[in-house]
Amino acid sequence: MLTGFRDFVLRGNIVELAVAVVIGTAFAALVASFTENIINPVLAAAGGGGDVPGLSILLRAGNEATLVNFGAVIGGILQFLITAAVVYFVFVLPMNKLTELRNRGQLAAEEGPAPDVELLTEIRDLLRAQQR
């Protein structure tokens, strides 16, 4: 039972998954910091006024629970788009290219026998012809 678990852990998938989770967490923190410290101040400067942060509407004066913050939503959308773009261009696109290259190698192998196999086939046929 433990041998199967050891084989599963050492197969490499677990290690790759752990690395992906750590990198993803660190990258999410980086994008969140970028959004909070660069995007949100720009959005606040664009539509701010008074006590209300930029690009937001206070539905009932004096009641902070009625604040509709469009800037936070736009910041969240930008954070998602930046994260998705990096994941796509850093992980998905290279993996698709690698899979495509592997498939090309398999297709080339399926198109015909390797040169050494062809040579051995010719030798076999010549030996059969000599025996007759």
C-alpha atoms as a PDB file:
ATOM      1  CA  MET A   1       0.000   0.000   0.000  1.00  0.00           C
ATOM      2  CA  LEU A   2       2.793   2.444   0.846  1.00  0.00           C
ATOM      3  CA  THR A   3       4.699   1.442  -2.278  1.00  0.00           C
ATOM      4  CA  GLY A   4       1.811   2.591  -4.445  1.00  0.00           C
ATOM      5  CA  PHE A   5       1.650   5.900  -2.584  1.00  0.00           C
ATOM      6  CA  ARG A   6       5.410   6.380  -2.942  1.00  0.00           C
ATOM      7  CA  ASP A   7       5.201   5.679  -6.679  1.00  0.00           C
ATOM      8  CA  PHE A   8       2.343   8.166  -6.978  1.00  0.00           C
ATOM      9  CA  VAL A   9       4.261  10.911  -5.163  1.00  0.00           C
ATOM     10  CA  LEU A  10       7.507  10.274  -7.020  1.00  0.00           C
ATOM     11  CA  ARG A  11       5.826  10.156 -10.410  1.00  0.00           C
ATOM     12  CA  GLY A  12       6.329  13.909 -10.665  1.00  0.00           C
ATOM     13  CA  ASN A  13       2.734  15.050 -11.003  1.00  0.00           C
ATOM     14  CA  ILE A  14       2.471  15.937  -7.328  1.00  0.00           C
ATOM     15  CA  VAL A  15       5.679  17.942  -7.393  1.00  0.00           C
ATOM     16  CA  GLU A  16       4.593  19.818 -10.530  1.00  0.00           C
ATOM     17  CA  LEU A  17       1.203  20.520  -8.982  1.00  0.00           C
ATOM     18  CA  ALA A  18       2.783  21.804  -5.767  1.00  0.00           C
ATOM     19  CA  VAL A  19       5.095  24.103  -7.719  1.00  0.00           C
ATOM     20  CA  ALA A  20       2.135  25.384  -9.749  1.00  0.00           C
ATOM     21  CA  VAL A  21       0.133  26.146  -6.596  1.00  0.00           C
ATOM     22  CA  VAL A  22       3.037  28.007  -4.976  1.00  0.00           C
ATOM     23  CA  ILE A  23       3.763  30.018  -8.117  1.00  0.00           C
ATOM     24  CA  GLY A  24       0.063  30.722  -8.621  1.00  0.00           C
ATOM     25  CA  THR A  25      -0.320  31.975  -5.053  1.00  0.00           C
ATOM     26  CA  ALA A  26       2.728  34.214  -5.330  1.00  0.00           C
ATOM     27  CA  PHE A  27       1.561  35.569  -8.675  1.00  0.00           C
ATOM     28  CA  ALA A  28      -1.947  36.233  -7.340  1.00  0.00           C
ATOM     29  CA  ALA A  29      -0.414  38.264  -4.507  1.00  0.00           C
ATOM     30  CA  LEU A  30       1.678  40.208  -7.026  1.00  0.00           C
ATOM     31  CA  VAL A  31      -1.333  41.019  -9.206  1.00  0.00           C
ATOM     32  CA  ALA A  32      -3.421  41.954  -6.142  1.00  0.00           C
ATOM     33  CA  SER A  33      -0.686  44.341  -5.028  1.00  0.00           C
ATOM     34  CA  PHE A  34      -0.498  45.836  -8.527  1.00  0.00           C
ATOM     35  CA  THR A  35      -4.272  46.311  -8.597  1.00  0.00           C
ATOM     36  CA  GLU A  36      -4.465  47.834  -5.123  1.00  0.00           C
ATOM     37  CA  ASN A  37      -1.480  50.141  -5.449  1.00  0.00           C
ATOM     38  CA  ILE A  38      -1.617  51.216  -9.093  1.00  0.00           C
ATOM     39  CA  ILE A  39      -5.016  50.504 -10.691  1.00  0.00           C
ATOM     40  CA  ASN A  40      -7.259  51.503  -7.765  1.00  0.00           C
ATOM     41  CA  PRO A  41      -5.552  54.906  -7.177  1.00  0.00           C
ATOM     42  CA  VAL A  42      -5.836  55.698 -10.901  1.00  0.00           C
ATOM     43  CA  LEU A  43      -9.527  54.778 -10.837  1.00  0.00           C
ATOM     44  CA  ALA A  44     -10.043  56.810  -7.654  1.00  0.00           C
ATOM     45  CA  ALA A  45      -8.378  59.833  -9.255  1.00  0.00           C
ATOM     46  CA  ALA A  46     -10.535  59.477 -12.361  1.00  0.00           C
ATOM     47  CA  GLY A  47     -13.903  59.601 -10.677  1.00  0.00           C
ATOM     48  CA  GLY A  48     -13.360  60.618  -7.066  1.00  0.00           C
ATOM     49  CA  GLY A  49     -14.873  63.459  -5.190  1.00  0.00           C
ATOM     50  CA  GLY A  50     -15.598  64.229  -1.566  1.00  0.00           C
ATOM     51  CA  ASP A  51     -15.476  61.398   0.954  1.00  0.00           C
ATOM     52  CA  VAL A  52     -16.423  58.727  -1.555  1.00  0.00           C
ATOM     53  CA  PRO A  53     -13.615  56.773  -3.261  1.00  0.00           C
ATOM     54  CA  GLY A  54     -13.389  57.127  -7.042  1.00  0.00           C
ATOM     55  CA  LEU A  55     -15.838  55.438  -9.390  1.00  0.00           C
ATOM     56  CA  SER A  56     -18.352  54.675  -6.682  1.00  0.00           C
ATOM     57  CA  ILE A  57     -21.791  55.834  -5.671  1.00  0.00           C
ATOM     58  CA  LEU A  58     -23.068  56.313  -2.140  1.00  0.00           C
ATOM     59  CA  LEU A  59     -26.762  55.436  -2.354  1.00  0.00           C
ATOM     60  CA  ARG A  60     -27.679  56.847   1.058  1.00  0.00           C
ATOM     61  CA  ALA A  61     -25.582  59.625   2.589  1.00  0.00           C
ATOM     62  CA  GLY A  62     -24.005  58.682   5.901  1.00  0.00           C
ATOM     63  CA  ASN A  63     -24.519  54.930   5.422  1.00  0.00           C
ATOM     64  CA  GLU A  64     -21.284  53.270   4.252  1.00  0.00           C
ATOM     65  CA  ALA A  65     -23.126  49.973   3.678  1.00  0.00           C
ATOM     66  CA  THR A  66     -24.832  51.544   0.659  1.00  0.00           C
ATOM     67  CA  LEU A  67     -21.567  52.265  -1.162  1.00  0.00           C
ATOM     68  CA  VAL A  68     -21.536  50.794  -4.690  1.00  0.00           C
ATOM     69  CA  ASN A  69     -17.836  50.628  -5.585  1.00  0.00           C
ATOM     70  CA  PHE A  70     -17.388  50.295  -9.348  1.00  0.00           C
ATOM     71  CA  GLY A  71     -13.646  50.864  -8.991  1.00  0.00           C
ATOM     72  CA  ALA A  72     -13.238  47.672  -6.956  1.00  0.00           C
ATOM     73  CA  VAL A  73     -15.168  45.692  -9.562  1.00  0.00           C
ATOM     74  CA  ILE A  74     -13.063  47.110 -12.409  1.00  0.00           C
ATOM     75  CA  GLY A  75      -9.929  46.368 -10.386  1.00  0.00           C
ATOM     76  CA  GLY A  76     -11.078  42.782  -9.851  1.00  0.00           C
ATOM     77  CA  ILE A  77     -11.781  42.346 -13.552  1.00  0.00           C
ATOM     78  CA  LEU A  78      -8.329  43.698 -14.438  1.00  0.00           C
ATOM     79  CA  GLN A  79      -6.737  41.429 -11.837  1.00  0.00           C
ATOM     80  CA  PHE A  80      -8.493  38.411 -13.359  1.00  0.00           C
ATOM     81  CA  LEU A  81      -7.551  39.369 -16.918  1.00  0.00           C
ATOM     82  CA  ILE A  82      -3.884  39.913 -16.015  1.00  0.00           C
ATOM     83  CA  THR A  83      -3.722  36.589 -14.178  1.00  0.00           C
ATOM     84  CA  ALA A  84      -5.485  34.724 -16.990  1.00  0.00           C
ATOM     85  CA  ALA A  85      -3.195  36.268 -19.625  1.00  0.00           C
ATOM     86  CA  VAL A  86      -0.040  35.317 -17.759  1.00  0.00           C
ATOM     87  CA  VAL A  87      -1.274  31.774 -17.110  1.00  0.00           C
ATOM     88  CA  TYR A  88      -2.171  31.409 -20.780  1.00  0.00           C
ATOM     89  CA  PHE A  89       1.066  32.786 -22.211  1.00  0.00           C
ATOM     90  CA  VAL A  90       3.420  31.238 -19.624  1.00  0.00           C
ATOM     91  CA  PHE A  91       1.819  27.816 -19.118  1.00  0.00           C
ATOM     92  CA  VAL A  92      -0.934  26.942 -21.606  1.00  0.00           C
ATOM     93  CA  LEU A  93       0.626  28.160 -24.860  1.00  0.00           C
ATOM     94  CA  PRO A  94       4.027  26.491 -24.292  1.00  0.00           C
ATOM     95  CA  MET A  95       2.351  23.225 -23.241  1.00  0.00           C
ATOM     96  CA  ASN A  96       0.201  23.284 -26.392  1.00  0.00           C
ATOM     97  CA  LYS A  97       3.320  23.818 -28.515  1.00  0.00           C
ATOM     98  CA  LEU A  98       5.101  20.974 -26.716  1.00  0.00           C
ATOM     99  CA  THR A  99       2.125  18.662 -27.256  1.00  0.00           C
ATOM    100  CA  GLU A 100       2.012  19.661 -30.921  1.00  0.00           C
ATOM    101  CA  LEU A 101       5.719  18.878 -31.333  1.00  0.00           C
ATOM    102  CA  ARG A 102       5.277  15.511 -29.625  1.00  0.00           C
ATOM    103  CA  ASN A 103       2.328  14.690 -31.877  1.00  0.00           C
ATOM    104  CA  ARG A 104       4.377  15.587 -34.959  1.00  0.00           C
ATOM    105  CA  GLY A 105       7.040  13.107 -33.845  1.00  0.00           C
ATOM    106  CA  GLN A 106       4.417  10.405 -33.376  1.00  0.00           C
ATOM    107  CA  LEU A 107       2.851  11.154 -36.764  1.00  0.00           C
ATOM    108  CA  ALA A 108       6.241  10.963 -38.444  1.00  0.00           C
ATOM    109  CA  ALA A 109       6.827   7.606 -36.788  1.00  0.00           C
ATOM    110  CA  GLU A 110       3.407   6.385 -37.930  1.00  0.00           C
ATOM    111  CA  GLU A 111       3.968   7.459 -41.559  1.00  0.00           C
ATOM    112  CA  GLY A 112       6.510   4.770 -42.247  1.00  0.00           C
ATOM    113  CA  PRO A 113       9.032   2.480 -40.643  1.00  0.00           C
ATOM    114  CA  ALA A 114      12.304   3.844 -39.400  1.00  0.00           C
ATOM    115  CA  PRO A 115      15.286   3.616 -41.785  1.00  0.00           C
ATOM    116  CA  ASP A 116      16.929   0.855 -39.751  1.00  0.00           C
ATOM    117  CA  VAL A 117      13.748  -1.222 -39.905  1.00  0.00           C
ATOM    118  CA  GLU A 118      13.610  -0.745 -43.671  1.00  0.00           C
ATOM    119  CA  LEU A 119      17.233  -1.849 -43.978  1.00  0.00           C
ATOM    120  CA  LEU A 120      16.634  -4.931 -41.848  1.00  0.00           C
ATOM    121  CA  THR A 121      13.571  -5.788 -43.946  1.00  0.00           C
ATOM    122  CA  GLU A 122      15.635  -5.554 -47.128  1.00  0.00           C
ATOM    123  CA  ILE A 123      18.335  -7.808 -45.630  1.00  0.00           C
ATOM    124  CA  ARG A 124      15.688 -10.345 -44.596  1.00  0.00           C
ATOM    125  CA  ASP A 125      14.179 -10.345 -48.063  1.00  0.00           C
ATOM    126  CA  LEU A 126      17.633 -10.789 -49.664  1.00  0.00           C
ATOM    127  CA  LEU A 127      18.433 -13.724 -47.343  1.00  0.00           C
ATOM    128  CA  ARG A 128      15.124 -15.388 -48.216  1.00  0.00           C
ATOM    129  CA  ALA A 129      15.847 -14.934 -51.896  1.00  0.00           C
ATOM    130  CA  GLN A 130      19.302 -16.514 -51.503  1.00  0.00           C
ATOM    131  CA  GLN A 131      17.914 -19.524 -49.639  1.00  0.00           C
ATOM    132  CA  ARG A 132      15.551 -20.354 -52.524  1.00  0.00           C
END
